[in-house]
Amino acid sequence: MVSAKGVLLTKDNLRRKNWKGSQKCSYCNCNETIKHLFFDCQHAKVIWRTVQVATGLTPPRSVTHMLGNWLQNFNAQEAFTILTGTTALCWAIWRCRNDIIFDNVKHSSFMQVIFRGAYWLRFWSMLQHKETTKDLFMKVSTSLEIIALEMFASHGWKHNNRLCQA
């Protein structure tokens, strides 16, 4: 994985290549690093907390942790499924961050990330050979969406409200 080697073009890595732009995270006022963007930022923490509520998984602390001993108590199929799901969420975090930076999107909520990650997980489920894996990916993506909606609704948002206006 590219980010395990620290070469993902987060703002700290761009700075090493003499990039002059802001070092600040797109979601908060901290300096953007791989670890911060995907694990330490409050935005990411809400996303991983949603995963924890939906699945019971303890959130990963870093890329090394996620690719290392985080899943040691799971069999190979379970670990594959969990890593696929976390990859979908990391991809969603990255894409939402890029929307803010390159497409001038004003805001990206944790809900947008969860729903984008769930979309990718459902999409990737179609690429699976085993029917049980496909079903599990679908179940996890639906569970993430339901838990995210319930968490958001508990803070005053109604499920029939739109996330963004066109």
C-alpha atoms as a PDB file:
ATOM      1  CA  MET A   1       0.000   0.000   0.000  1.00  0.00           C
ATOM      2  CA  VAL A   2       1.365   3.372  -1.038  1.00  0.00           C
ATOM      3  CA  SER A   3       0.586   5.134   2.248  1.00  0.00           C
ATOM      4  CA  ALA A   4       2.331   2.441   4.310  1.00  0.00           C
ATOM      5  CA  LYS A   5       5.550   3.704   2.740  1.00  0.00           C
ATOM      6  CA  GLY A   6       4.600   7.317   3.423  1.00  0.00           C
ATOM      7  CA  VAL A   7       4.467   8.430  -0.194  1.00  0.00           C
ATOM      8  CA  LEU A   8       0.798   9.377  -0.511  1.00  0.00           C
ATOM      9  CA  LEU A   9       0.713  13.006  -1.629  1.00  0.00           C
ATOM     10  CA  THR A  10      -0.629  14.508   1.556  1.00  0.00           C
ATOM     11  CA  LYS A  11       0.354  18.095   2.216  1.00  0.00           C
ATOM     12  CA  ASP A  12       3.397  17.183   4.325  1.00  0.00           C
ATOM     13  CA  ASN A  13       4.762  15.039   1.495  1.00  0.00           C
ATOM     14  CA  LEU A  14       3.997  17.732  -1.076  1.00  0.00           C
ATOM     15  CA  ARG A  15       5.944  20.227   1.042  1.00  0.00           C
ATOM     16  CA  ARG A  16       8.993  17.948   0.829  1.00  0.00           C
ATOM     17  CA  LYS A  17       8.688  18.360  -2.941  1.00  0.00           C
ATOM     18  CA  ASN A  18       8.809  22.170  -2.536  1.00  0.00           C
ATOM     19  CA  TRP A  19       5.041  22.675  -2.788  1.00  0.00           C
ATOM     20  CA  LYS A  20       4.124  26.095  -1.373  1.00  0.00           C
ATOM     21  CA  GLY A  21       0.427  25.569  -0.536  1.00  0.00           C
ATOM     22  CA  SER A  22      -1.212  25.414   2.875  1.00  0.00           C
ATOM     23  CA  GLN A  23      -0.148  22.578   5.162  1.00  0.00           C
ATOM     24  CA  LYS A  24      -3.518  22.556   6.942  1.00  0.00           C
ATOM     25  CA  CYS A  25      -5.897  19.605   6.869  1.00  0.00           C
ATOM     26  CA  SER A  26      -9.004  20.171   4.743  1.00  0.00           C
ATOM     27  CA  TYR A  27     -11.206  19.142   7.670  1.00  0.00           C
ATOM     28  CA  CYS A  28      -9.511  20.945  10.573  1.00  0.00           C
ATOM     29  CA  ASN A  29      -6.687  23.338  11.402  1.00  0.00           C
ATOM     30  CA  CYS A  30      -3.944  20.746  12.028  1.00  0.00           C
ATOM     31  CA  ASN A  31      -1.098  20.006   9.653  1.00  0.00           C
ATOM     32  CA  GLU A  32      -2.021  17.275   7.195  1.00  0.00           C
ATOM     33  CA  THR A  33      -0.065  14.011   7.329  1.00  0.00           C
ATOM     34  CA  ILE A  34      -1.152  10.536   6.305  1.00  0.00           C
ATOM     35  CA  LYS A  35      -1.724   9.548   9.926  1.00  0.00           C
ATOM     36  CA  HIS A  36      -3.598  12.732  10.709  1.00  0.00           C
ATOM     37  CA  LEU A  37      -5.854  12.632   7.625  1.00  0.00           C
ATOM     38  CA  PHE A  38      -6.916   9.003   7.992  1.00  0.00           C
ATOM     39  CA  PHE A  39      -6.756   8.414  11.747  1.00  0.00           C
ATOM     40  CA  ASP A  40      -6.103  11.425  14.024  1.00  0.00           C
ATOM     41  CA  CYS A  41      -8.297  14.152  12.526  1.00  0.00           C
ATOM     42  CA  GLN A  42     -11.603  14.619  14.370  1.00  0.00           C
ATOM     43  CA  HIS A  43     -13.365  14.021  11.037  1.00  0.00           C
ATOM     44  CA  ALA A  44     -11.647  10.651  10.652  1.00  0.00           C
ATOM     45  CA  LYS A  45     -12.304   9.766  14.300  1.00  0.00           C
ATOM     46  CA  VAL A  46     -16.061  10.207  13.790  1.00  0.00           C
ATOM     47  CA  ILE A  47     -15.876   7.956  10.733  1.00  0.00           C
ATOM     48  CA  TRP A  48     -13.956   5.238  12.626  1.00  0.00           C
ATOM     49  CA  ARG A  49     -16.334   5.604  15.578  1.00  0.00           C
ATOM     50  CA  THR A  50     -19.234   4.966  13.185  1.00  0.00           C
ATOM     51  CA  VAL A  51     -17.446   1.833  11.980  1.00  0.00           C
ATOM     52  CA  GLN A  52     -16.932   0.766  15.585  1.00  0.00           C
ATOM     53  CA  VAL A  53     -20.624   1.194  16.387  1.00  0.00           C
ATOM     54  CA  ALA A  54     -21.674  -0.627  13.183  1.00  0.00           C
ATOM     55  CA  THR A  55     -19.226  -3.533  13.440  1.00  0.00           C
ATOM     56  CA  GLY A  56     -17.747  -3.654  16.939  1.00  0.00           C
ATOM     57  CA  LEU A  57     -14.227  -3.198  15.518  1.00  0.00           C
ATOM     58  CA  THR A  58     -11.769  -1.119  17.476  1.00  0.00           C
ATOM     59  CA  PRO A  59     -10.642   1.715  15.174  1.00  0.00           C
ATOM     60  CA  PRO A  60      -7.184   1.380  13.603  1.00  0.00           C
ATOM     61  CA  ARG A  61      -4.583   3.815  14.945  1.00  0.00           C
ATOM     62  CA  SER A  62      -2.375   4.090  11.864  1.00  0.00           C
ATOM     63  CA  VAL A  63      -1.671   2.510   8.487  1.00  0.00           C
ATOM     64  CA  THR A  64       0.998   0.321  10.119  1.00  0.00           C
ATOM     65  CA  HIS A  65      -1.477  -0.810  12.765  1.00  0.00           C
ATOM     66  CA  MET A  66      -4.187  -1.422  10.138  1.00  0.00           C
ATOM     67  CA  LEU A  67      -1.878  -3.498   7.948  1.00  0.00           C
ATOM     68  CA  GLY A  68      -0.114  -5.127  10.906  1.00  0.00           C
ATOM     69  CA  ASN A  69      -1.588  -6.741  13.977  1.00  0.00           C
ATOM     70  CA  TRP A  70      -4.982  -4.964  14.001  1.00  0.00           C
ATOM     71  CA  LEU A  71      -6.723  -7.974  12.494  1.00  0.00           C
ATOM     72  CA  GLN A  72      -4.671 -10.758  14.043  1.00  0.00           C
ATOM     73  CA  ASN A  73      -7.712 -12.325  15.761  1.00  0.00           C
ATOM     74  CA  PHE A  74      -9.604 -12.763  12.487  1.00  0.00           C
ATOM     75  CA  ASN A  75      -9.342 -15.546   9.921  1.00  0.00           C
ATOM     76  CA  ALA A  76      -8.063 -14.723   6.428  1.00  0.00           C
ATOM     77  CA  GLN A  77     -11.537 -14.228   4.899  1.00  0.00           C
ATOM     78  CA  GLU A  78     -12.688 -11.952   7.717  1.00  0.00           C
ATOM     79  CA  ALA A  79      -9.460  -9.939   7.573  1.00  0.00           C
ATOM     80  CA  PHE A  80      -9.840  -9.579   3.782  1.00  0.00           C
ATOM     81  CA  THR A  81     -13.402  -8.330   4.183  1.00  0.00           C
ATOM     82  CA  ILE A  82     -12.461  -5.860   6.932  1.00  0.00           C
ATOM     83  CA  LEU A  83      -9.467  -4.541   4.990  1.00  0.00           C
ATOM     84  CA  THR A  84     -11.618  -4.109   1.897  1.00  0.00           C
ATOM     85  CA  GLY A  85     -14.112  -2.103   3.930  1.00  0.00           C
ATOM     86  CA  THR A  86     -11.435   0.053   5.532  1.00  0.00           C
ATOM     87  CA  THR A  87      -9.832   0.594   2.136  1.00  0.00           C
ATOM     88  CA  ALA A  88     -13.200   1.816   0.811  1.00  0.00           C
ATOM     89  CA  LEU A  89     -13.427   4.274   3.713  1.00  0.00           C
ATOM     90  CA  CYS A  90      -9.853   5.493   3.293  1.00  0.00           C
ATOM     91  CA  TRP A  91     -10.520   5.964  -0.421  1.00  0.00           C
ATOM     92  CA  ALA A  92     -13.686   7.914   0.456  1.00  0.00           C
ATOM     93  CA  ILE A  93     -11.786  10.133   2.928  1.00  0.00           C
ATOM     94  CA  TRP A  94      -9.152  10.797   0.254  1.00  0.00           C
ATOM     95  CA  ARG A  95     -11.706  11.538  -2.472  1.00  0.00           C
ATOM     96  CA  CYS A  96     -13.752  13.870  -0.244  1.00  0.00           C
ATOM     97  CA  ARG A  97     -10.537  15.672   0.754  1.00  0.00           C
ATOM     98  CA  ASN A  98      -9.614  16.045  -2.921  1.00  0.00           C
ATOM     99  CA  ASP A  99     -13.089  17.428  -3.686  1.00  0.00           C
ATOM    100  CA  ILE A 100     -12.445  20.170  -1.127  1.00  0.00           C
ATOM    101  CA  ILE A 101      -8.966  20.955  -2.456  1.00  0.00           C
ATOM    102  CA  PHE A 102      -9.429  20.615  -6.215  1.00  0.00           C
ATOM    103  CA  ASP A 103     -13.163  21.137  -6.808  1.00  0.00           C
ATOM    104  CA  ASN A 104     -13.707  23.904  -4.232  1.00  0.00           C
ATOM    105  CA  VAL A 105     -16.331  21.907  -2.368  1.00  0.00           C
ATOM    106  CA  LYS A 106     -17.038  23.956   0.745  1.00  0.00           C
ATOM    107  CA  HIS A 107     -17.617  21.148   3.219  1.00  0.00           C
ATOM    108  CA  SER A 108     -17.502  17.385   3.403  1.00  0.00           C
ATOM    109  CA  SER A 109     -19.350  15.776   6.298  1.00  0.00           C
ATOM    110  CA  PHE A 110     -18.564  12.413   7.830  1.00  0.00           C
ATOM    111  CA  MET A 111     -21.902  11.290   6.330  1.00  0.00           C
ATOM    112  CA  GLN A 112     -20.640  11.997   2.821  1.00  0.00           C
ATOM    113  CA  VAL A 113     -17.534   9.945   3.533  1.00  0.00           C
ATOM    114  CA  ILE A 114     -19.530   7.048   5.023  1.00  0.00           C
ATOM    115  CA  PHE A 115     -21.956   6.981   2.102  1.00  0.00           C
ATOM    116  CA  ARG A 116     -19.151   7.234  -0.443  1.00  0.00           C
ATOM    117  CA  GLY A 117     -17.273   4.419   1.309  1.00  0.00           C
ATOM    118  CA  ALA A 118     -20.457   2.304   1.425  1.00  0.00           C
ATOM    119  CA  TYR A 119     -20.943   2.948  -2.287  1.00  0.00           C
ATOM    120  CA  TRP A 120     -17.418   1.746  -3.071  1.00  0.00           C
ATOM    121  CA  LEU A 121     -17.889  -1.317  -0.891  1.00  0.00           C
ATOM    122  CA  ARG A 122     -21.119  -2.210  -2.724  1.00  0.00           C
ATOM    123  CA  PHE A 123     -19.424  -1.573  -6.061  1.00  0.00           C
ATOM    124  CA  TRP A 124     -16.452  -3.761  -5.128  1.00  0.00           C
ATOM    125  CA  SER A 125     -18.842  -6.476  -3.934  1.00  0.00           C
ATOM    126  CA  MET A 126     -19.779  -7.046  -7.572  1.00  0.00           C
ATOM    127  CA  LEU A 127     -16.155  -7.994  -8.260  1.00  0.00           C
ATOM    128  CA  GLN A 128     -16.140 -10.784  -5.676  1.00  0.00           C
ATOM    129  CA  HIS A 129     -16.332 -14.423  -6.774  1.00  0.00           C
ATOM    130  CA  LYS A 130     -17.841 -15.810  -3.605  1.00  0.00           C
ATOM    131  CA  GLU A 131     -21.520 -15.102  -3.063  1.00  0.00           C
ATOM    132  CA  THR A 132     -20.971 -15.038   0.711  1.00  0.00           C
ATOM    133  CA  THR A 133     -18.368 -12.285   0.338  1.00  0.00           C
ATOM    134  CA  LYS A 134     -20.694 -10.279  -1.907  1.00  0.00           C
ATOM    135  CA  ASP A 135     -23.486 -10.603   0.650  1.00  0.00           C
ATOM    136  CA  LEU A 136     -21.189  -9.635   3.519  1.00  0.00           C
ATOM    137  CA  PHE A 137     -19.963  -6.509   1.686  1.00  0.00           C
ATOM    138  CA  MET A 138     -23.583  -5.513   1.054  1.00  0.00           C
ATOM    139  CA  LYS A 139     -24.533  -6.142   4.681  1.00  0.00           C
ATOM    140  CA  VAL A 140     -21.607  -4.092   6.038  1.00  0.00           C
ATOM    141  CA  SER A 141     -22.230  -1.185   3.646  1.00  0.00           C
ATOM    142  CA  THR A 142     -25.910  -1.073   4.615  1.00  0.00           C
ATOM    143  CA  SER A 143     -25.050  -1.303   8.304  1.00  0.00           C
ATOM    144  CA  LEU A 144     -22.609   1.612   8.018  1.00  0.00           C
ATOM    145  CA  GLU A 145     -25.239   3.767   6.342  1.00  0.00           C
ATOM    146  CA  ILE A 146     -27.916   2.905   8.908  1.00  0.00           C
ATOM    147  CA  ILE A 147     -25.630   3.571  11.885  1.00  0.00           C
ATOM    148  CA  ALA A 148     -24.430   6.857  10.354  1.00  0.00           C
ATOM    149  CA  LEU A 149     -28.029   7.967   9.807  1.00  0.00           C
ATOM    150  CA  GLU A 150     -28.969   6.988  13.367  1.00  0.00           C
ATOM    151  CA  MET A 151     -25.959   8.838  14.825  1.00  0.00           C
ATOM    152  CA  PHE A 152     -26.746  11.928  12.811  1.00  0.00           C
ATOM    153  CA  ALA A 153     -30.475  11.769  13.596  1.00  0.00           C
ATOM    154  CA  SER A 154     -29.743  11.551  17.313  1.00  0.00           C
ATOM    155  CA  HIS A 155     -28.220  15.040  16.993  1.00  0.00           C
ATOM    156  CA  GLY A 156     -31.288  16.605  15.387  1.00  0.00           C
ATOM    157  CA  TRP A 157     -30.949  15.711  11.700  1.00  0.00           C
ATOM    158  CA  LYS A 158     -33.990  14.058  10.104  1.00  0.00           C
ATOM    159  CA  HIS A 159     -33.430  11.136   7.733  1.00  0.00           C
ATOM    160  CA  ASN A 160     -35.510  12.732   4.974  1.00  0.00           C
ATOM    161  CA  ASN A 161     -33.342  15.885   4.846  1.00  0.00           C
ATOM    162  CA  ARG A 162     -30.878  16.116   1.968  1.00  0.00           C
ATOM    163  CA  LEU A 163     -27.141  16.106   2.656  1.00  0.00           C
ATOM    164  CA  CYS A 164     -26.530  18.803   0.093  1.00  0.00           C
ATOM    165  CA  GLN A 165     -28.638  20.878  -2.249  1.00  0.00           C
ATOM    166  CA  ALA A 166     -27.954  20.690  -5.975  1.00  0.00           C
END
